[in-house]
PDB file of N, CA and C in Angstrom:
ATOM      1  N   MET A   1     163.484  92.121  32.006  1.00  0.00           N
ATOM      2  CA  MET A   1     164.197  91.512  33.112  1.00  0.00           C
ATOM      3  C   MET A   1     164.466  92.061  33.793  1.00  0.00           C
ATOM      4  N   ARG A   2     164.080  92.795  35.362  1.00  0.00           N
ATOM      5  CA  ARG A   2     164.805  93.537  36.371  1.00  0.00           C
ATOM      6  C   ARG A   2     165.809  93.447  36.582  1.00  0.00           C
ATOM      7  N   SER A   3     167.674  94.182  36.397  1.00  0.00           N
ATOM      8  CA  SER A   3     168.389  93.693  36.450  1.00  0.00           C
ATOM      9  C   SER A   3     168.894  91.990  37.996  1.00  0.00           C
ATOM     10  N   ILE A   4     170.021  91.794  38.503  1.00  0.00           N
ATOM     11  CA  ILE A   4     169.772  91.556  40.163  1.00  0.00           C
ATOM     12  C   ILE A   4     170.037  92.161  41.061  1.00  0.00           C
ATOM     13  N   GLN A   5     170.593  93.228  40.109  1.00  0.00           N
ATOM     14  CA  GLN A   5     171.472  94.298  40.973  1.00  0.00           C
ATOM     15  C   GLN A   5     169.927  95.474  41.134  1.00  0.00           C
ATOM     16  N   ALA A   6     169.154  95.723  40.872  1.00  0.00           N
ATOM     17  CA  ALA A   6     167.109  96.575  40.909  1.00  0.00           C
ATOM     18  C   ALA A   6     167.068  95.837  42.263  1.00  0.00           C
ATOM     19  N   ARG A   7     166.878  93.669  41.867  1.00  0.00           N
ATOM     20  CA  ARG A   7     166.251  93.516  42.123  1.00  0.00           C
ATOM     21  C   ARG A   7     166.526  92.663  43.934  1.00  0.00           C
ATOM     22  N   PHE A   8     167.545  92.907  43.995  1.00  0.00           N
ATOM     23  CA  PHE A   8     168.517  92.828  45.481  1.00  0.00           C
ATOM     24  C   PHE A   8     168.374  94.251  46.380  1.00  0.00           C
ATOM     25  N   LYS A   9     168.212  95.561  45.631  1.00  0.00           N
ATOM     26  CA  LYS A   9     167.764  97.170  46.727  1.00  0.00           C
ATOM     27  C   LYS A   9     166.908  96.538  47.180  1.00  0.00           C
ATOM     28  N   THR A  10     165.544  96.464  46.028  1.00  0.00           N
ATOM     29  CA  THR A  10     164.159  96.183  46.289  1.00  0.00           C
ATOM     30  C   THR A  10     164.191  94.982  47.330  1.00  0.00           C
ATOM     31  N   GLN A  11     165.204  94.500  47.380  1.00  0.00           N
ATOM     32  CA  GLN A  11     164.646  93.043  48.874  1.00  0.00           C
ATOM     33  C   GLN A  11     165.271  94.203  50.264  1.00  0.00           C
ATOM     34  N   GLU A  12     166.325  94.323  49.931  1.00  0.00           N
ATOM     35  CA  GLU A  12     168.166  95.492  50.524  1.00  0.00           C
ATOM     36  C   GLU A  12     165.914  96.387  51.315  1.00  0.00           C
ATOM     37  N   ARG A  13     166.026  97.131  51.104  1.00  0.00           N
ATOM     38  CA  ARG A  13     164.978  97.790  51.549  1.00  0.00           C
ATOM     39  C   ARG A  13     164.018  97.301  51.828  1.00  0.00           C
ATOM     40  N   LYS A  14     162.974  96.001  52.057  1.00  0.00           N
ATOM     41  CA  LYS A  14     161.663  94.875  51.812  1.00  0.00           C
ATOM     42  C   LYS A  14     162.365  94.636  52.765  1.00  0.00           C
ATOM     43  N   THR A  15     164.542  94.209  53.631  1.00  0.00           N
ATOM     44  CA  THR A  15     164.824  93.664  54.346  1.00  0.00           C
ATOM     45  C   THR A  15     165.233  93.913  55.539  1.00  0.00           C
ATOM     46  N   PRO A  16     165.669  95.509  55.669  1.00  0.00           N
ATOM     47  CA  PRO A  16     166.804  95.735  56.255  1.00  0.00           C
ATOM     48  C   PRO A  16     168.041  95.352  56.972  1.00  0.00           C
ATOM     49  N   ASN A  17     167.335  94.262  57.709  1.00  0.00           N
ATOM     50  CA  ASN A  17     168.330  93.534  58.969  1.00  0.00           C
ATOM     51  C   ASN A  17     168.476  92.192  58.491  1.00  0.00           C
ATOM     52  N   ALA A  18     167.938  92.263  56.420  1.00  0.00           N
ATOM     53  CA  ALA A  18     168.044  90.664  56.310  1.00  0.00           C
ATOM     54  C   ALA A  18     170.140  90.289  55.881  1.00  0.00           C
ATOM     55  N   GLY A  19     170.835  90.325  55.688  1.00  0.00           N
ATOM     56  CA  GLY A  19     171.840  90.596  55.209  1.00  0.00           C
ATOM     57  C   GLY A  19     171.737  89.873  53.800  1.00  0.00           C
ATOM     58  N   ALA A  20     173.362  90.224  53.447  1.00  0.00           N
ATOM     59  CA  ALA A  20     173.558  90.554  51.685  1.00  0.00           C
ATOM     60  C   ALA A  20     173.078  89.086  51.415  1.00  0.00           C
ATOM     61  N   TYR A  21     173.684  87.461  51.916  1.00  0.00           N
ATOM     62  CA  TYR A  21     173.507  86.515  50.534  1.00  0.00           C
ATOM     63  C   TYR A  21     172.224  85.958  51.027  1.00  0.00           C
ATOM     64  N   ILE A  22     170.996  86.552  51.592  1.00  0.00           N
ATOM     65  CA  ILE A  22     170.305  86.263  51.901  1.00  0.00           C
ATOM     66  C   ILE A  22     169.596  87.394  50.577  1.00  0.00           C
ATOM     67  N   ASN A  23     169.000  88.121  50.928  1.00  0.00           N
ATOM     68  CA  ASN A  23     169.288  89.072  49.681  1.00  0.00           C
ATOM     69  C   ASN A  23     169.286  88.920  49.082  1.00  0.00           C
ATOM     70  N   LEU A  24     170.113  88.785  47.988  1.00  0.00           N
ATOM     71  CA  LEU A  24     170.971  87.813  47.091  1.00  0.00           C
ATOM     72  C   LEU A  24     169.625  87.244  46.764  1.00  0.00           C
ATOM     73  N   GLN A  25     170.151  85.976  47.171  1.00  0.00           N
ATOM     74  CA  GLN A  25     168.986  84.659  47.075  1.00  0.00           C
ATOM     75  C   GLN A  25     168.565  84.883  46.861  1.00  0.00           C
ATOM     76  N   ARG A  26     166.708  86.142  47.792  1.00  0.00           N
ATOM     77  CA  ARG A  26     165.285  86.382  47.517  1.00  0.00           C
ATOM     78  C   ARG A  26     165.295  87.638  46.284  1.00  0.00           C
ATOM     79  N   ALA A  27     167.035  87.613  45.573  1.00  0.00           N
ATOM     80  CA  ALA A  27     166.992  88.506  44.815  1.00  0.00           C
ATOM     81  C   ALA A  27     166.485  88.156  42.689  1.00  0.00           C
ATOM     82  N   ILE A  28     166.927  86.776  43.061  1.00  0.00           N
ATOM     83  CA  ILE A  28     166.941  85.673  41.841  1.00  0.00           C
ATOM     84  C   ILE A  28     166.735  84.962  42.047  1.00  0.00           C
ATOM     85  N   ARG A  29     165.606  84.607  43.229  1.00  0.00           N
ATOM     86  CA  ARG A  29     165.205  83.466  43.457  1.00  0.00           C
ATOM     87  C   ARG A  29     163.123  83.595  41.612  1.00  0.00           C
ATOM     88  N   GLY A  30     164.214  81.875  41.662  1.00  0.00           N
ATOM     89  CA  GLY A  30     162.618  81.887  39.889  1.00  0.00           C
ATOM     90  C   GLY A  30     163.155  82.460  38.891  1.00  0.00           C
ATOM     91  N   GLN A  31     164.446  83.484  38.846  1.00  0.00           N
ATOM     92  CA  GLN A  31     164.253  84.137  37.317  1.00  0.00           C
ATOM     93  C   GLN A  31     165.346  83.882  36.670  1.00  0.00           C
ATOM     94  N   ARG A  32     165.999  82.806  37.026  1.00  0.00           N
ATOM     95  CA  ARG A  32     166.598  82.019  35.780  1.00  0.00           C
ATOM     96  C   ARG A  32     167.898  82.589  35.200  1.00  0.00           C
ATOM     97  N   PHE A  33     168.825  83.433  35.282  1.00  0.00           N
ATOM     98  CA  PHE A  33     169.963  84.625  35.565  1.00  0.00           C
ATOM     99  C   PHE A  33     171.258  83.420  35.180  1.00  0.00           C
ATOM    100  N   LEU A  34     171.536  83.725  34.857  1.00  0.00           N
ATOM    101  CA  LEU A  34     172.111  83.026  33.606  1.00  0.00           C
ATOM    102  C   LEU A  34     173.812  83.015  34.996  1.00  0.00           C
ATOM    103  N   HIS A  35     174.155  81.579  35.601  1.00  0.00           N
ATOM    104  CA  HIS A  35     176.119  81.410  36.109  1.00  0.00           C
ATOM    105  C   HIS A  35     176.704  82.492  36.497  1.00  0.00           C
ATOM    106  N   SER A  36     176.879  83.177  35.260  1.00  0.00           N
ATOM    107  CA  SER A  36     178.059  84.083  34.887  1.00  0.00           C
ATOM    108  C   SER A  36     177.407  85.213  35.569  1.00  0.00           C
ATOM    109  N   ALA A  37     176.609  86.079  35.374  1.00  0.00           N
ATOM    110  CA  ALA A  37     175.336  87.065  36.165  1.00  0.00           C
ATOM    111  C   ALA A  37     175.374  86.782  37.755  1.00  0.00           C
ATOM    112  N   ILE A  38     175.022  85.469  37.639  1.00  0.00           N
ATOM    113  CA  ILE A  38     174.695  85.522  39.768  1.00  0.00           C
ATOM    114  C   ILE A  38     176.691  85.900  39.742  1.00  0.00           C
ATOM    115  N   VAL A  39     177.731  84.988  39.640  1.00  0.00           N
ATOM    116  CA  VAL A  39     178.739  85.172  39.678  1.00  0.00           C
ATOM    117  C   VAL A  39     178.942  86.837  40.241  1.00  0.00           C
ATOM    118  N   LYS A  40     178.934  87.466  39.076  1.00  0.00           N
ATOM    119  CA  LYS A  40     179.098  89.247  39.048  1.00  0.00           C
ATOM    120  C   LYS A  40     177.920  89.507  40.156  1.00  0.00           C
ATOM    121  N   ALA A  41     177.053  89.298  40.134  1.00  0.00           N
ATOM    122  CA  ALA A  41     176.705  90.121  41.281  1.00  0.00           C
ATOM    123  C   ALA A  41     176.651  89.539  42.431  1.00  0.00           C
ATOM    124  N   PHE A  42     176.850  88.111  43.378  1.00  0.00           N
ATOM    125  CA  PHE A  42     178.013  87.954  43.861  1.00  0.00           C
ATOM    126  C   PHE A  42     179.088  88.090  44.627  1.00  0.00           C
ATOM    127  N   LYS A  43     179.752  88.614  43.503  1.00  0.00           N
ATOM    128  CA  LYS A  43     180.946  89.812  43.576  1.00  0.00           C
ATOM    129  C   LYS A  43     181.372  91.306  44.306  1.00  0.00           C
ATOM    130  N   ASP A  44     179.883  91.704  43.224  1.00  0.00           N
ATOM    131  CA  ASP A  44     179.688  92.494  43.295  1.00  0.00           C
ATOM    132  C   ASP A  44     178.897  93.306  44.892  1.00  0.00           C
ATOM    133  N   LEU A  45     178.013  92.595  45.197  1.00  0.00           N
ATOM    134  CA  LEU A  45     176.629  92.879  46.813  1.00  0.00           C
ATOM    135  C   LEU A  45     176.633  92.106  47.478  1.00  0.00           C
ATOM    136  N   VAL A  46     177.856  90.803  48.225  1.00  0.00           N
ATOM    137  CA  VAL A  46     178.441  90.339  49.258  1.00  0.00           C
ATOM    138  C   VAL A  46     179.627  90.941  49.459  1.00  0.00           C
ATOM    139  N   PRO A  47     179.666  91.546  50.088  1.00  0.00           N
ATOM    140  CA  PRO A  47     180.709  92.018  50.652  1.00  0.00           C
ATOM    141  C   PRO A  47     182.133  91.035  51.218  1.00  0.00           C
ATOM    142  N   LYS A  48     183.004  90.600  50.975  1.00  0.00           N
ATOM    143  CA  LYS A  48     183.621  88.997  50.687  1.00  0.00           C
ATOM    144  C   LYS A  48     184.591  88.641  52.869  1.00  0.00           C
ATOM    145  N   ASP A  49     184.035  89.592  53.620  1.00  0.00           N
ATOM    146  CA  ASP A  49     184.306  89.500  55.124  1.00  0.00           C
ATOM    147  C   ASP A  49     182.544  88.439  55.227  1.00  0.00           C
ATOM    148  N   ASP A  50     181.650  88.107  54.660  1.00  0.00           N
ATOM    149  CA  ASP A  50     180.710  87.894  55.253  1.00  0.00           C
ATOM    150  C   ASP A  50     180.229  85.913  54.735  1.00  0.00           C
ATOM    151  N   TYR A  51     181.591  85.648  54.201  1.00  0.00           N
ATOM    152  CA  TYR A  51     182.208  84.141  54.363  1.00  0.00           C
ATOM    153  C   TYR A  51     183.510  84.020  54.081  1.00  0.00           C
ATOM    154  N   LEU A  52     184.289  82.705  54.067  1.00  0.00           N
ATOM    155  CA  LEU A  52     184.937  82.351  53.792  1.00  0.00           C
ATOM    156  C   LEU A  52     185.151  82.346  52.497  1.00  0.00           C
ATOM    157  N   GLY A  53     187.180  82.049  52.173  1.00  0.00           N
ATOM    158  CA  GLY A  53     186.997  81.705  51.061  1.00  0.00           C
ATOM    159  C   GLY A  53     186.678  80.767  50.267  1.00  0.00           C
ATOM    160  N   SER A  54     187.156  79.253  51.637  1.00  0.00           N
ATOM    161  CA  SER A  54     186.160  78.695  51.049  1.00  0.00           C
ATOM    162  C   SER A  54     185.357  78.305  50.463  1.00  0.00           C
ATOM    163  N   GLU A  55     183.854  79.156  50.811  1.00  0.00           N
ATOM    164  CA  GLU A  55     182.326  78.918  50.883  1.00  0.00           C
ATOM    165  C   GLU A  55     182.298  79.951  49.698  1.00  0.00           C
ATOM    166  N   LYS A  56     182.563  80.230  48.940  1.00  0.00           N
ATOM    167  CA  LYS A  56     182.300  80.884  47.432  1.00  0.00           C
ATOM    168  C   LYS A  56     182.140  79.020  47.028  1.00  0.00           C
ATOM    169  N   ALA A  57     182.237  78.748  46.039  1.00  0.00           N
ATOM    170  CA  ALA A  57     182.226  77.771  45.783  1.00  0.00           C
ATOM    171  C   ALA A  57     180.586  77.533  45.652  1.00  0.00           C
ATOM    172  N   GLY A  58     179.831  77.059  47.011  1.00  0.00           N
ATOM    173  CA  GLY A  58     179.092  75.758  47.331  1.00  0.00           C
ATOM    174  C   GLY A  58     178.308  77.053  47.846  1.00  0.00           C
ATOM    175  N   LEU A  59     178.325  78.723  47.795  1.00  0.00           N
ATOM    176  CA  LEU A  59     177.419  79.289  48.205  1.00  0.00           C
ATOM    177  C   LEU A  59     176.855  79.685  46.473  1.00  0.00           C
ATOM    178  N   ILE A  60     177.170  79.633  45.835  1.00  0.00           N
ATOM    179  CA  ILE A  60     176.793  80.330  44.197  1.00  0.00           C
ATOM    180  C   ILE A  60     176.958  79.011  43.416  1.00  0.00           C
ATOM    181  N   GLU A  61     176.632  77.841  43.481  1.00  0.00           N
ATOM    182  CA  GLU A  61     176.077  76.519  43.325  1.00  0.00           C
ATOM    183  C   GLU A  61     174.978  76.882  44.352  1.00  0.00           C
ATOM    184  N   TRP A  62     174.126  76.939  45.051  1.00  0.00           N
ATOM    185  CA  TRP A  62     173.116  77.030  46.062  1.00  0.00           C
ATOM    186  C   TRP A  62     172.523  78.431  45.531  1.00  0.00           C
ATOM    187  N   LEU A  63     172.822  79.564  44.556  1.00  0.00           N
ATOM    188  CA  LEU A  63     171.299  80.227  44.392  1.00  0.00           C
ATOM    189  C   LEU A  63     172.045  80.423  42.652  1.00  0.00           C
ATOM    190  N   ASP A  64     172.789  79.088  42.336  1.00  0.00           N
ATOM    191  CA  ASP A  64     171.748  79.311  41.060  1.00  0.00           C
ATOM    192  C   ASP A  64     171.365  78.194  41.197  1.00  0.00           C
ATOM    193  N   ILE A  65     171.076  77.258  42.223  1.00  0.00           N
ATOM    194  CA  ILE A  65     169.725  76.183  42.407  1.00  0.00           C
ATOM    195  C   ILE A  65     168.181  77.062  42.769  1.00  0.00           C
ATOM    196  N   ARG A  66     168.756  78.068  42.928  1.00  0.00           N
ATOM    197  CA  ARG A  66     167.084  78.685  43.543  1.00  0.00           C
ATOM    198  C   ARG A  66     167.272  79.951  42.368  1.00  0.00           C
ATOM    199  N   THR A  67     167.987  80.465  41.869  1.00  0.00           N
ATOM    200  CA  THR A  67     167.359  81.045  40.680  1.00  0.00           C
ATOM    201  C   THR A  67     166.995  79.718  39.591  1.00  0.00           C
ATOM    202  N   ASN A  68     166.108  78.515  39.440  1.00  0.00           N
ATOM    203  CA  ASN A  68     166.504  78.487  38.377  1.00  0.00           C
ATOM    204  C   ASN A  68     164.980  77.016  39.393  1.00  0.00           C
ATOM    205  N   LYS A  69     164.655  77.496  41.112  1.00  0.00           N
ATOM    206  CA  LYS A  69     163.948  76.847  41.047  1.00  0.00           C
ATOM    207  C   LYS A  69     162.166  78.178  41.142  1.00  0.00           C
ATOM    208  N   PRO A  70     160.880  77.403  40.949  1.00  0.00           N
ATOM    209  CA  PRO A  70     160.377  78.445  40.487  1.00  0.00           C
ATOM    210  C   PRO A  70     159.852  78.559  41.921  1.00  0.00           C
ATOM    211  N   VAL A  71     159.573  80.151  41.709  1.00  0.00           N
ATOM    212  CA  VAL A  71     158.941  80.278  43.365  1.00  0.00           C
ATOM    213  C   VAL A  71     157.621  80.088  43.186  1.00  0.00           C
ATOM    214  N   THR A  72     157.208  79.722  44.827  1.00  0.00           N
ATOM    215  CA  THR A  72     156.003  79.425  45.330  1.00  0.00           C
ATOM    216  C   THR A  72     155.327  79.269  46.152  1.00  0.00           C
ATOM    217  N   LYS A  73     154.205  79.666  46.025  1.00  0.00           N
ATOM    218  CA  LYS A  73     153.570  81.530  46.968  1.00  0.00           C
ATOM    219  C   LYS A  73     153.181  79.967  48.867  1.00  0.00           C
ATOM    220  N   THR A  74     154.589  80.310  50.426  1.00  0.00           N
ATOM    221  CA  THR A  74     153.989  79.785  51.041  1.00  0.00           C
ATOM    222  C   THR A  74     153.092  80.242  52.154  1.00  0.00           C
TER     223      THR A  74
END
């Protein structure tokens, strides 16, 4: 399994104008990463000035949901 960081870098190249959080969300979608890996990636890849401190838990919760949701082509 490719790392979150590798998937994130791929997403950044595909969509350079998207924000770090959006690219992280796209990188983990449907990949079933562990919560601890998502938290670490969030801390490492999403700049702190992109979100309020009080929003962090909700943003990570959404990433947990996205990593376990199957990817569907629409």
